[in-house]
Amino acid sequence: MSNILDNYIGIHSQALQVRTKKTELLAANLANADTPGYKAKDIDFRKALSNVGTERLDRTHSQHFEFGDQGAGRVQYRIPTQPSVDGNTVEEHVEQAEFLDNAVRYQATVQFLGGKLNSLKSAFKGE
């Protein structure tokens, strides 16, 4: 049954996990905007999802992916357009825009999954 559900939902459950990790990274960047020497981090969503199913992802917990700092889809340092004198690479306007974009895309994925699950629920009920 789990395989059938995984096939029905597709890659969207993994997309939510990657989006969650991206949200955590962006929130940490914003929280450390004034920390001298802090390097802004991000993850390339497309590269992270392109690896799903093709390589085994290491996990620290059965429900969490571990994102290392090497390879496609892994945590990377953001290159600032205007580096700070104190070595901090967080650009608040960039982080805020990325955070908003990621939040909208996360919500869209949640709504899509909700629709898929409601369709499945209706099929089980015979509606």
N, C-alpha and C. Protein backbone atom coordinates (compact mmCIF):
# COMPACT_ATOMS: atom_id res chain seq x y z
N MET A 1 0.82 -1.20 0.00
CA MET A 1 0.00 0.00 0.00
C MET A 1 0.87 1.26 0.00
N SER A 2 1.96 1.24 0.75
CA SER A 2 2.83 2.39 0.83
C SER A 2 3.41 2.75 -0.55
N ASN A 3 3.78 1.75 -1.32
CA ASN A 3 4.31 1.99 -2.66
C ASN A 3 3.27 2.63 -3.56
N ILE A 4 2.04 2.18 -3.46
CA ILE A 4 0.96 2.73 -4.27
C ILE A 4 0.75 4.20 -3.92
N LEU A 5 0.73 4.51 -2.63
CA LEU A 5 0.55 5.89 -2.19
C LEU A 5 1.74 6.75 -2.61
N ASP A 6 2.94 6.23 -2.47
CA ASP A 6 4.13 6.96 -2.91
C ASP A 6 4.07 7.27 -4.40
N ASN A 7 3.63 6.30 -5.19
CA ASN A 7 3.51 6.52 -6.63
C ASN A 7 2.43 7.55 -6.94
N TYR A 8 1.34 7.53 -6.18
CA TYR A 8 0.24 8.46 -6.41
C TYR A 8 0.65 9.89 -6.06
N ILE A 9 1.32 10.05 -4.94
CA ILE A 9 1.75 11.37 -4.49
C ILE A 9 2.94 11.86 -5.30
N GLY A 10 3.79 10.95 -5.72
CA GLY A 10 4.95 11.32 -6.52
C GLY A 10 6.04 11.98 -5.69
N ILE A 11 6.68 12.92 -6.30
CA ILE A 11 7.85 13.56 -5.71
C ILE A 11 7.47 14.67 -4.73
N HIS A 12 6.19 14.94 -4.59
CA HIS A 12 5.75 16.09 -3.80
C HIS A 12 6.06 15.98 -2.31
N SER A 13 6.10 14.79 -1.76
CA SER A 13 6.46 14.68 -0.34
C SER A 13 7.93 15.05 -0.14
N GLN A 14 8.79 14.64 -1.09
CA GLN A 14 10.19 15.03 -1.00
C GLN A 14 10.35 16.53 -1.23
N ALA A 15 9.51 17.09 -2.11
CA ALA A 15 9.56 18.53 -2.37
C ALA A 15 9.27 19.31 -1.09
N LEU A 16 8.31 18.83 -0.31
CA LEU A 16 8.00 19.50 0.96
C LEU A 16 9.18 19.44 1.91
N GLN A 17 9.87 18.32 1.94
CA GLN A 17 11.02 18.20 2.83
C GLN A 17 12.14 19.14 2.40
N VAL A 18 12.38 19.26 1.11
CA VAL A 18 13.41 20.16 0.62
C VAL A 18 13.01 21.61 0.89
N ARG A 19 11.75 21.93 0.65
CA ARG A 19 11.26 23.30 0.92
C ARG A 19 11.37 23.63 2.42
N THR A 20 11.10 22.65 3.27
CA THR A 20 11.24 22.87 4.72
C THR A 20 12.68 23.18 5.08
N LYS A 21 13.61 22.42 4.53
CA LYS A 21 15.03 22.66 4.80
C LYS A 21 15.44 24.03 4.28
N LYS A 22 14.95 24.41 3.11
CA LYS A 22 15.27 25.73 2.54
C LYS A 22 14.73 26.83 3.45
N THR A 23 13.53 26.65 3.99
CA THR A 23 12.94 27.63 4.92
C THR A 23 13.83 27.79 6.15
N GLU A 24 14.30 26.67 6.69
CA GLU A 24 15.17 26.72 7.86
C GLU A 24 16.46 27.50 7.57
N LEU A 25 17.05 27.25 6.41
CA LEU A 25 18.29 27.94 6.04
C LEU A 25 18.06 29.44 5.87
N LEU A 26 16.97 29.80 5.18
CA LEU A 26 16.68 31.22 4.96
C LEU A 26 16.36 31.93 6.28
N ALA A 27 15.65 31.26 7.18
CA ALA A 27 15.35 31.85 8.49
C ALA A 27 16.63 32.07 9.29
N ALA A 28 17.54 31.11 9.21
CA ALA A 28 18.83 31.25 9.90
C ALA A 28 19.63 32.40 9.31
N ASN A 29 19.57 32.56 8.01
CA ASN A 29 20.27 33.68 7.37
C ASN A 29 19.72 35.01 7.88
N LEU A 30 18.40 35.14 7.91
CA LEU A 30 17.80 36.38 8.39
C LEU A 30 18.11 36.63 9.86
N ALA A 31 18.11 35.57 10.66
CA ALA A 31 18.40 35.72 12.09
C ALA A 31 19.85 36.16 12.32
N ASN A 32 20.72 35.84 11.40
CA ASN A 32 22.14 36.16 11.55
C ASN A 32 22.59 37.31 10.65
N ALA A 33 21.65 38.13 10.24
CA ALA A 33 21.97 39.24 9.34
C ALA A 33 23.00 40.21 9.91
N ASP A 34 23.06 40.31 11.23
CA ASP A 34 24.00 41.24 11.87
C ASP A 34 25.18 40.54 12.53
N THR A 35 25.32 39.24 12.29
CA THR A 35 26.42 38.48 12.90
C THR A 35 27.67 38.61 12.04
N PRO A 36 28.72 39.22 12.58
CA PRO A 36 29.95 39.36 11.78
C PRO A 36 30.50 38.00 11.34
N GLY A 37 30.87 37.92 10.08
CA GLY A 37 31.48 36.70 9.56
C GLY A 37 30.49 35.60 9.17
N TYR A 38 29.20 35.81 9.39
CA TYR A 38 28.22 34.77 9.04
C TYR A 38 28.09 34.68 7.53
N LYS A 39 28.09 33.47 7.02
CA LYS A 39 27.96 33.21 5.59
C LYS A 39 26.56 32.71 5.29
N ALA A 40 25.85 33.43 4.43
CA ALA A 40 24.48 33.05 4.05
C ALA A 40 24.49 31.72 3.30
N LYS A 41 23.54 30.85 3.64
CA LYS A 41 23.45 29.52 3.04
C LYS A 41 22.12 29.37 2.31
N ASP A 42 22.12 28.51 1.32
CA ASP A 42 20.91 28.21 0.58
C ASP A 42 21.04 26.84 -0.04
N ILE A 43 19.95 26.35 -0.59
CA ILE A 43 19.96 25.06 -1.26
C ILE A 43 19.27 25.26 -2.61
N ASP A 44 19.80 24.64 -3.64
CA ASP A 44 19.21 24.70 -4.96
C ASP A 44 18.10 23.65 -5.02
N PHE A 45 16.85 24.11 -5.03
CA PHE A 45 15.71 23.22 -4.97
C PHE A 45 15.70 22.22 -6.13
N ARG A 46 15.93 22.69 -7.33
CA ARG A 46 15.91 21.81 -8.50
C ARG A 46 16.97 20.73 -8.43
N LYS A 47 18.17 21.11 -8.03
CA LYS A 47 19.24 20.12 -7.92
C LYS A 47 18.95 19.10 -6.82
N ALA A 48 18.36 19.58 -5.73
CA ALA A 48 18.03 18.67 -4.63
C ALA A 48 17.00 17.65 -5.07
N LEU A 49 15.98 18.09 -5.80
CA LEU A 49 14.95 17.16 -6.26
C LEU A 49 15.44 16.27 -7.40
N SER A 50 16.40 16.75 -8.17
CA SER A 50 16.91 15.92 -9.27
C SER A 50 17.63 14.69 -8.74
N ASN A 51 18.08 14.75 -7.50
CA ASN A 51 18.79 13.62 -6.90
C ASN A 51 17.87 12.61 -6.23
N VAL A 52 16.61 12.98 -6.03
CA VAL A 52 15.68 12.08 -5.36
C VAL A 52 15.47 10.85 -6.23
N GLY A 53 15.70 9.71 -5.64
CA GLY A 53 15.53 8.46 -6.35
C GLY A 53 16.77 8.00 -7.09
N THR A 54 17.73 8.90 -7.32
CA THR A 54 18.94 8.49 -8.04
C THR A 54 20.10 8.22 -7.10
N GLU A 55 20.05 8.80 -5.93
CA GLU A 55 21.09 8.52 -4.95
C GLU A 55 20.45 8.41 -3.58
N ARG A 56 21.08 7.66 -2.72
CA ARG A 56 20.57 7.52 -1.37
C ARG A 56 20.95 8.76 -0.57
N LEU A 57 19.97 9.38 0.06
CA LEU A 57 20.23 10.54 0.89
C LEU A 57 20.46 10.09 2.32
N ASP A 58 21.48 10.62 2.96
CA ASP A 58 21.76 10.28 4.34
C ASP A 58 20.78 11.01 5.24
N ARG A 59 20.31 10.31 6.27
CA ARG A 59 19.33 10.91 7.16
C ARG A 59 19.82 10.83 8.60
N THR A 60 19.54 11.87 9.37
CA THR A 60 19.88 11.88 10.78
C THR A 60 18.70 11.38 11.61
N HIS A 61 17.54 11.38 11.01
CA HIS A 61 16.31 10.93 11.66
C HIS A 61 15.47 10.29 10.57
N SER A 62 14.64 9.34 10.93
CA SER A 62 13.89 8.61 9.91
C SER A 62 12.99 9.50 9.07
N GLN A 63 12.63 10.69 9.56
CA GLN A 63 11.75 11.58 8.81
C GLN A 63 12.47 12.80 8.25
N HIS A 64 13.77 12.88 8.40
CA HIS A 64 14.51 14.06 7.95
C HIS A 64 15.61 13.68 6.98
N PHE A 65 15.80 14.54 5.99
CA PHE A 65 16.94 14.39 5.09
C PHE A 65 18.12 15.13 5.70
N GLU A 66 19.31 14.63 5.47
CA GLU A 66 20.51 15.36 5.84
C GLU A 66 21.07 15.99 4.59
N PHE A 67 21.32 17.28 4.64
CA PHE A 67 21.87 17.98 3.50
C PHE A 67 23.29 18.38 3.86
N GLY A 68 24.24 17.74 3.24
CA GLY A 68 25.64 18.05 3.49
C GLY A 68 26.04 19.31 2.75
N ASP A 69 27.34 19.55 2.63
CA ASP A 69 27.78 20.77 1.95
C ASP A 69 28.45 20.48 0.62
N GLN A 70 28.30 19.29 0.09
CA GLN A 70 28.89 18.98 -1.20
C GLN A 70 27.87 18.30 -2.08
N GLY A 71 28.05 18.42 -3.39
CA GLY A 71 27.18 17.72 -4.33
C GLY A 71 25.96 18.53 -4.73
N ALA A 72 25.29 18.05 -5.75
CA ALA A 72 24.11 18.73 -6.26
C ALA A 72 23.00 18.70 -5.23
N GLY A 73 22.33 19.81 -5.06
CA GLY A 73 21.22 19.89 -4.14
C GLY A 73 21.63 20.00 -2.69
N ARG A 74 22.87 20.24 -2.44
CA ARG A 74 23.35 20.35 -1.07
C ARG A 74 23.43 21.81 -0.64
N VAL A 75 23.60 22.02 0.64
CA VAL A 75 23.71 23.37 1.17
C VAL A 75 24.95 24.04 0.58
N GLN A 76 24.73 25.25 0.09
CA GLN A 76 25.82 26.02 -0.50
C GLN A 76 25.83 27.41 0.11
N TYR A 77 26.97 28.08 0.00
CA TYR A 77 27.06 29.45 0.48
C TYR A 77 26.62 30.39 -0.63
N ARG A 78 25.84 31.40 -0.25
CA ARG A 78 25.37 32.38 -1.22
C ARG A 78 26.48 33.40 -1.49
N ILE A 79 26.64 33.76 -2.73
CA ILE A 79 27.63 34.78 -3.11
C ILE A 79 26.93 36.13 -3.11
N PRO A 80 27.37 37.06 -2.25
CA PRO A 80 26.68 38.35 -2.15
C PRO A 80 26.99 39.27 -3.33
N THR A 81 26.03 40.14 -3.65
CA THR A 81 26.28 41.13 -4.69
C THR A 81 27.04 42.32 -4.11
N GLN A 82 26.84 42.58 -2.81
CA GLN A 82 27.56 43.65 -2.13
C GLN A 82 28.09 43.12 -0.80
N PRO A 83 29.32 42.58 -0.79
CA PRO A 83 29.87 42.02 0.45
C PRO A 83 29.98 43.07 1.55
N SER A 84 29.78 42.62 2.77
CA SER A 84 29.85 43.48 3.94
C SER A 84 31.30 43.58 4.42
N VAL A 85 31.62 44.67 5.06
CA VAL A 85 32.97 44.87 5.59
C VAL A 85 33.30 43.86 6.68
N ASP A 86 32.30 43.46 7.47
CA ASP A 86 32.52 42.53 8.58
C ASP A 86 32.52 41.06 8.15
N GLY A 87 32.40 40.78 6.85
CA GLY A 87 32.45 39.41 6.35
C GLY A 87 31.11 38.70 6.31
N ASN A 88 30.05 39.38 6.73
CA ASN A 88 28.71 38.80 6.69
C ASN A 88 28.20 38.88 5.25
N THR A 89 27.70 37.76 4.73
CA THR A 89 27.22 37.73 3.34
C THR A 89 25.70 37.75 3.22
N VAL A 90 25.00 37.99 4.33
CA VAL A 90 23.53 38.03 4.30
C VAL A 90 23.09 39.38 3.73
N GLU A 91 22.27 39.33 2.70
CA GLU A 91 21.64 40.52 2.15
C GLU A 91 20.15 40.37 2.44
N GLU A 92 19.68 41.16 3.39
CA GLU A 92 18.32 40.97 3.91
C GLU A 92 17.25 41.01 2.83
N HIS A 93 17.36 41.89 1.88
CA HIS A 93 16.34 41.98 0.84
C HIS A 93 16.32 40.72 -0.02
N VAL A 94 17.47 40.12 -0.26
CA VAL A 94 17.55 38.88 -1.03
C VAL A 94 16.94 37.73 -0.22
N GLU A 95 17.30 37.65 1.04
CA GLU A 95 16.79 36.58 1.90
C GLU A 95 15.28 36.68 2.08
N GLN A 96 14.77 37.89 2.26
CA GLN A 96 13.33 38.08 2.41
C GLN A 96 12.57 37.67 1.15
N ALA A 97 13.11 38.04 -0.01
CA ALA A 97 12.47 37.66 -1.28
C ALA A 97 12.50 36.15 -1.47
N GLU A 98 13.62 35.52 -1.16
CA GLU A 98 13.74 34.06 -1.28
C GLU A 98 12.80 33.36 -0.29
N PHE A 99 12.71 33.91 0.92
CA PHE A 99 11.84 33.32 1.94
C PHE A 99 10.38 33.38 1.49
N LEU A 100 9.95 34.52 0.96
CA LEU A 100 8.58 34.68 0.49
C LEU A 100 8.30 33.74 -0.68
N ASP A 101 9.21 33.67 -1.64
CA ASP A 101 9.04 32.79 -2.79
C ASP A 101 8.93 31.33 -2.34
N ASN A 102 9.79 30.94 -1.43
CA ASN A 102 9.77 29.56 -0.93
C ASN A 102 8.47 29.26 -0.18
N ALA A 103 7.99 30.23 0.60
CA ALA A 103 6.75 30.04 1.36
C ALA A 103 5.54 29.86 0.42
N VAL A 104 5.50 30.65 -0.64
CA VAL A 104 4.40 30.54 -1.60
C VAL A 104 4.45 29.18 -2.29
N ARG A 105 5.64 28.75 -2.68
CA ARG A 105 5.79 27.46 -3.35
C ARG A 105 5.50 26.29 -2.40
N TYR A 106 5.87 26.43 -1.15
CA TYR A 106 5.55 25.41 -0.15
C TYR A 106 4.04 25.27 -0.02
N GLN A 107 3.35 26.41 0.10
CA GLN A 107 1.90 26.39 0.24
C GLN A 107 1.24 25.78 -0.99
N ALA A 108 1.75 26.07 -2.17
CA ALA A 108 1.19 25.50 -3.40
C ALA A 108 1.34 23.98 -3.40
N THR A 109 2.48 23.49 -2.95
CA THR A 109 2.69 22.05 -2.89
C THR A 109 1.76 21.40 -1.87
N VAL A 110 1.57 22.05 -0.73
CA VAL A 110 0.65 21.54 0.29
C VAL A 110 -0.77 21.47 -0.26
N GLN A 111 -1.18 22.50 -0.96
CA GLN A 111 -2.53 22.50 -1.54
C GLN A 111 -2.67 21.43 -2.62
N PHE A 112 -1.64 21.24 -3.42
CA PHE A 112 -1.68 20.21 -4.44
C PHE A 112 -1.81 18.83 -3.80
N LEU A 113 -1.01 18.58 -2.78
CA LEU A 113 -1.09 17.30 -2.07
C LEU A 113 -2.45 17.12 -1.41
N GLY A 114 -3.00 18.18 -0.85
CA GLY A 114 -4.32 18.10 -0.24
C GLY A 114 -5.37 17.71 -1.26
N GLY A 115 -5.28 18.27 -2.45
CA GLY A 115 -6.21 17.91 -3.51
C GLY A 115 -6.07 16.46 -3.94
N LYS A 116 -4.82 16.00 -4.04
CA LYS A 116 -4.58 14.60 -4.41
C LYS A 116 -5.15 13.66 -3.35
N LEU A 117 -4.95 13.99 -2.09
CA LEU A 117 -5.45 13.14 -1.01
C LEU A 117 -6.97 13.19 -0.92
N ASN A 118 -7.56 14.35 -1.18
CA ASN A 118 -9.03 14.44 -1.20
C ASN A 118 -9.61 13.61 -2.34
N SER A 119 -8.92 13.61 -3.49
CA SER A 119 -9.37 12.78 -4.62
C SER A 119 -9.31 11.30 -4.25
N LEU A 120 -8.25 10.93 -3.57
CA LEU A 120 -8.10 9.53 -3.15
C LEU A 120 -9.18 9.16 -2.13
N LYS A 121 -9.46 10.09 -1.22
CA LYS A 121 -10.49 9.86 -0.21
C LYS A 121 -11.85 9.69 -0.88
N SER A 122 -12.13 10.52 -1.86
CA SER A 122 -13.40 10.40 -2.60
C SER A 122 -13.51 9.08 -3.34
N ALA A 123 -12.40 8.63 -3.88
CA ALA A 123 -12.39 7.34 -4.60
C ALA A 123 -12.68 6.20 -3.65
N PHE A 124 -12.10 6.26 -2.45
CA PHE A 124 -12.36 5.21 -1.46
C PHE A 124 -13.83 5.21 -1.01
N LYS A 125 -14.41 6.38 -0.92
CA LYS A 125 -15.81 6.50 -0.50
C LYS A 125 -16.77 6.15 -1.64
N GLY A 126 -16.26 6.14 -2.87
CA GLY A 126 -17.11 5.85 -4.02
C GLY A 126 -17.91 7.04 -4.49
N GLU A 127 -17.41 8.21 -4.25
CA GLU A 127 -18.11 9.45 -4.65
C GLU A 127 -17.79 9.82 -6.07
